[in-house]
Protein backbone atom coordinates (compact mmCIF):
# COMPACT_ATOMS: atom_id res chain seq x y z
CA MET A 1 0.00 0.00 0.00
CA LYS A 2 2.83 2.34 0.90
CA SER A 3 4.51 1.61 -2.43
CA VAL A 4 1.30 2.44 -4.30
CA THR A 5 0.96 5.71 -2.37
CA LEU A 6 4.60 6.56 -3.12
CA LEU A 7 4.13 5.74 -6.78
CA LEU A 8 1.04 7.96 -7.04
CA ALA A 9 2.88 10.80 -5.32
CA LEU A 10 5.78 10.42 -7.76
CA VAL A 11 3.41 10.46 -10.73
CA GLY A 12 1.81 13.60 -9.33
CA ILE A 13 5.17 15.33 -9.10
CA ILE A 14 6.05 14.35 -12.67
CA ILE A 15 2.69 15.56 -14.00
CA SER A 16 2.96 18.82 -12.06
CA ALA A 17 6.45 19.41 -13.40
CA GLY A 18 5.22 18.70 -16.88
CA PHE A 19 2.42 21.24 -16.57
CA ALA A 20 4.83 23.80 -15.08
CA ASN A 21 7.09 23.46 -18.11
CA ALA A 22 4.16 23.44 -20.51
CA THR A 23 2.78 26.75 -19.20
CA GLU A 24 6.06 28.63 -19.72
CA VAL A 25 5.47 30.98 -22.64
CA ARG A 26 8.62 31.04 -24.73
CA ILE A 27 9.24 32.71 -28.10
CA THR A 28 10.43 29.44 -29.62
CA ARG A 29 11.33 26.12 -28.01
CA ASP A 30 14.91 27.30 -27.60
CA LEU A 31 14.37 31.02 -27.07
CA LYS A 32 12.83 32.61 -23.99
CA SER A 33 13.70 36.26 -24.60
CA VAL A 34 15.79 38.54 -26.80
CA ASP A 35 17.95 41.45 -25.67
CA TYR A 36 19.16 44.25 -27.92
CA THR A 37 20.62 47.71 -27.46
CA PHE A 38 19.69 51.04 -29.02
CA ARG A 39 21.02 54.46 -28.07
CA GLY A 40 22.84 52.97 -25.10
CA LYS A 41 19.72 51.34 -23.64
CA THR A 42 19.11 47.60 -23.45
CA TYR A 43 15.63 46.33 -24.35
CA THR A 44 14.26 42.89 -23.57
CA ILE A 45 11.64 41.31 -25.80
CA GLN A 46 9.60 38.46 -24.37
CA ARG A 47 6.08 37.08 -24.29
CA THR A 48 3.75 37.54 -21.34
CA GLN A 49 3.65 34.80 -18.73
CA ASP A 50 0.20 35.86 -17.51
CA PRO A 51 -2.22 33.00 -18.36
CA ASN A 52 -5.13 35.46 -18.21
CA ALA A 53 -3.64 37.98 -20.64
CA THR A 54 -5.81 38.92 -23.63
CA ILE A 55 -5.47 41.02 -26.76
CA PRO A 56 -5.98 44.76 -26.09
CA GLU A 57 -9.53 45.81 -26.93
CA PHE A 58 -8.48 48.08 -29.80
CA TYR A 59 -7.12 45.10 -31.73
CA THR A 60 -10.19 42.91 -31.25
CA LYS A 61 -12.27 44.98 -33.68
CA THR A 62 -12.79 43.23 -37.04
CA ALA A 63 -15.19 45.52 -38.94
CA ARG A 64 -12.94 48.38 -40.02
CA GLU A 65 -14.11 50.63 -42.83
CA CYS A 66 -12.15 50.25 -46.06
CA PRO A 67 -10.79 52.64 -47.16
CA PRO A 68 -8.65 53.43 -45.30
CA PHE A 69 -8.47 50.17 -43.32
CA CYS A 70 -8.01 47.79 -46.26
CA VAL A 71 -6.20 44.45 -46.24
CA GLU A 72 -2.57 44.85 -47.27
CA PRO A 73 -0.81 42.40 -49.64
CA ALA A 74 1.86 39.97 -48.48
CA GLU A 75 4.46 41.79 -50.60
CA VAL A 76 4.42 45.55 -50.31
CA ALA A 77 6.78 46.12 -53.28
CA PRO A 78 9.35 44.15 -55.30
CA GLY A 79 12.63 43.77 -53.45
CA VAL A 80 11.23 44.77 -50.06
CA ARG A 81 11.41 41.91 -47.58
CA THR A 82 8.24 41.09 -45.64
CA VAL A 83 9.08 39.80 -42.16
CA ALA A 84 7.34 38.16 -39.23
CA GLU A 85 8.16 38.23 -35.53
CA LEU A 86 11.28 36.05 -35.51
CA GLU A 87 12.83 37.97 -38.41
CA LEU A 88 12.03 41.23 -36.60
CA LEU A 89 13.86 39.98 -33.50
CA ASP A 90 16.81 39.00 -35.66
CA PHE A 91 16.79 42.51 -37.18
CA LEU A 92 16.91 44.08 -33.71
CA GLN A 93 19.98 42.08 -32.75
CA ASN A 94 21.86 42.13 -36.03
CA TYR A 95 20.97 45.56 -37.39
CA VAL A 96 19.72 47.87 -34.64
CA SER A 97 22.15 46.71 -31.94
CA LYS A 98 25.05 46.98 -34.40
CA GLY A 99 24.12 50.46 -35.61
CA LYS A 100 23.17 49.29 -39.09
CA GLY A 101 19.42 49.82 -38.98
CA PHE A 102 16.35 51.30 -37.31
CA LEU A 103 12.99 49.90 -36.24
CA ILE A 104 10.47 52.47 -37.47
CA ASP A 105 6.97 52.86 -36.07
CA ALA A 106 5.35 54.60 -39.04
CA ARG A 107 2.06 55.31 -37.26
CA THR A 108 0.83 58.75 -36.33
CA PRO A 109 1.99 59.92 -32.87
CA ASP A 110 -1.40 59.32 -31.22
CA TYR A 111 -1.05 55.58 -31.85
CA TYR A 112 2.65 55.50 -30.99
CA GLN A 113 2.18 57.24 -27.66
CA GLN A 114 -0.29 54.59 -26.51
CA SER A 115 2.16 51.69 -26.96
CA THR A 116 4.80 50.45 -29.35
CA ILE A 117 7.43 47.75 -29.79
CA PRO A 118 10.18 48.46 -27.24
CA GLY A 119 12.88 50.67 -28.75
CA ALA A 120 10.99 51.63 -31.91
CA ILE A 121 11.37 55.22 -33.08
CA ASN A 122 8.37 57.12 -34.35
CA LEU A 123 8.73 58.47 -37.89
CA PRO A 124 5.10 58.90 -38.99
CA TYR A 125 4.34 57.98 -42.60
CA SER A 126 3.44 61.62 -43.31
CA LEU A 127 7.11 62.58 -42.87
CA PHE A 128 7.97 60.56 -45.97
CA VAL A 129 5.64 62.55 -48.24
CA PRO A 130 7.63 65.06 -50.33
CA GLY A 131 6.21 68.51 -50.86
CA ALA A 132 6.65 72.15 -50.03
CA ASP A 133 4.28 71.87 -47.08
CA ASN A 134 6.35 69.10 -45.45
CA VAL A 135 9.26 70.96 -43.86
CA PHE A 136 10.48 67.75 -42.21
CA PHE A 137 10.91 65.74 -45.40
CA GLU A 138 14.42 66.81 -46.42
CA PRO A 139 15.90 66.72 -42.88
CA VAL A 140 14.50 63.21 -42.36
CA MET A 141 15.89 62.00 -45.70
CA GLN A 142 19.28 63.50 -44.88
CA MET A 143 19.18 61.83 -41.47
CA LEU A 144 18.64 58.52 -43.28
CA GLY A 145 21.70 59.11 -45.46
CA GLY A 146 20.07 60.71 -48.48
CA LYS A 147 21.60 63.41 -50.65
CA LYS A 148 20.26 65.42 -53.56
CA ASP A 149 22.30 65.37 -56.75
CA ALA A 150 22.66 68.22 -59.25
CA THR A 151 19.36 67.33 -60.90
CA GLY A 152 17.42 67.36 -57.62
CA GLU A 153 17.13 63.58 -57.46
CA TRP A 154 17.72 61.81 -54.18
CA THR A 155 20.55 59.31 -53.90
CA PHE A 156 21.19 56.93 -51.02
CA THR A 157 24.57 55.32 -50.46
CA ASN A 158 25.74 53.50 -47.32
CA THR A 159 22.32 54.14 -45.84
CA ALA A 160 20.72 52.28 -42.95
CA ASP A 161 18.35 49.35 -43.18
CA LEU A 162 14.84 50.25 -42.07
CA LEU A 163 12.17 47.92 -40.72
CA LEU A 164 8.79 49.63 -40.78
CA PHE A 165 5.48 48.64 -39.19
CA CYS A 166 2.13 50.14 -38.28
CA ASN A 167 -1.09 48.79 -36.74
CA GLY A 168 -1.50 45.58 -38.69
CA PRO A 169 -2.41 43.89 -41.99
CA TRP A 170 -5.28 46.39 -42.39
CA CYS A 171 -3.09 49.49 -41.84
CA GLU A 172 -1.59 51.35 -44.81
CA GLN A 173 0.64 53.79 -42.93
CA SER A 174 3.87 51.78 -43.10
CA SER A 175 3.25 50.61 -46.67
CA THR A 176 2.62 54.23 -47.72
CA ALA A 177 5.94 55.24 -46.15
CA ILE A 178 7.73 52.43 -48.00
CA HIS A 179 6.23 53.40 -51.37
CA ASN A 180 7.26 57.02 -50.83
CA LEU A 181 10.81 55.96 -49.94
CA LEU A 182 11.04 53.81 -53.05
CA ALA A 183 9.77 56.71 -55.15
CA ILE A 184 12.82 58.78 -54.18
CA ASN A 185 15.30 55.95 -54.84
CA TYR A 186 15.68 54.44 -51.37
CA PRO A 187 17.15 50.98 -52.05
CA ALA A 188 14.47 48.29 -51.87
CA GLU A 189 16.94 45.81 -50.39
CA LYS A 190 17.41 48.18 -47.45
CA LEU A 191 13.71 48.15 -46.58
CA HIS A 192 11.93 45.54 -44.47
CA TRP A 193 8.22 45.41 -43.68
CA TYR A 194 6.52 43.89 -40.66
CA ARG A 195 3.08 43.45 -42.23
CA GLY A 196 1.53 42.03 -39.04
CA GLY A 197 2.36 45.20 -37.12
CA MET A 198 0.99 45.83 -33.65
CA GLN A 199 -2.04 43.61 -34.34
CA ASP A 200 0.10 40.49 -34.64
CA TRP A 201 2.65 41.64 -32.07
CA VAL A 202 0.14 41.88 -29.22
CA SER A 203 -1.70 38.77 -30.44
CA MET A 204 1.51 36.80 -29.83
CA GLY A 205 1.72 38.20 -26.31
CA PHE A 206 4.92 40.18 -26.91
CA ASN A 207 5.64 43.01 -24.51
CA THR A 208 5.14 46.64 -25.51
CA GLU A 209 6.21 49.95 -24.04
CA VAL A 210 4.63 53.35 -23.56
CA PRO A 211 7.22 55.83 -24.92
CA ALA A 212 8.43 58.63 -22.69
CA ASN A 213 7.15 62.02 -23.78
């Protein structure tokens, strides 16, 4: 009888341990979190461990008027790489941390100030629209490594890689920014697009941050 009781207790411990391991929310089987640095600050990306966590209410809405909230294609433009979460994490470590690229939140500031991917910088899509009424356009292009030649055309050499995102597959803000960059000769191979945006990011349980004012 004692041996049966001991056996049952042992089975209980094994089952409990199994459930404890099963409830750990990792990014992949071999990856629990990702650290990267930007502007001297270290950011940690991980998924929530709260079993009661749910998608923020804003992202639960499915009936969004189109236009402007139309479904975006899988490929935003020829030569521009569409990425998912794991590729975004790789970009943070191998481009942002090494000073070779930027994670760009292309949404308008009202969205950005609510929450964003940790370490993303806000360059709203409207900044990428050329025109006399956009006084920020040329300074932003110069910041990204652009120069105007004698004919007034923009050229980009040794420029940074950019990974842009917005609210999700129904948001056109990041894709608009990409098309405007391509129109002024920004190299397509230097552009990356996280189509899933914040919609997919929070759906996966990844952490976000509220930017400091």
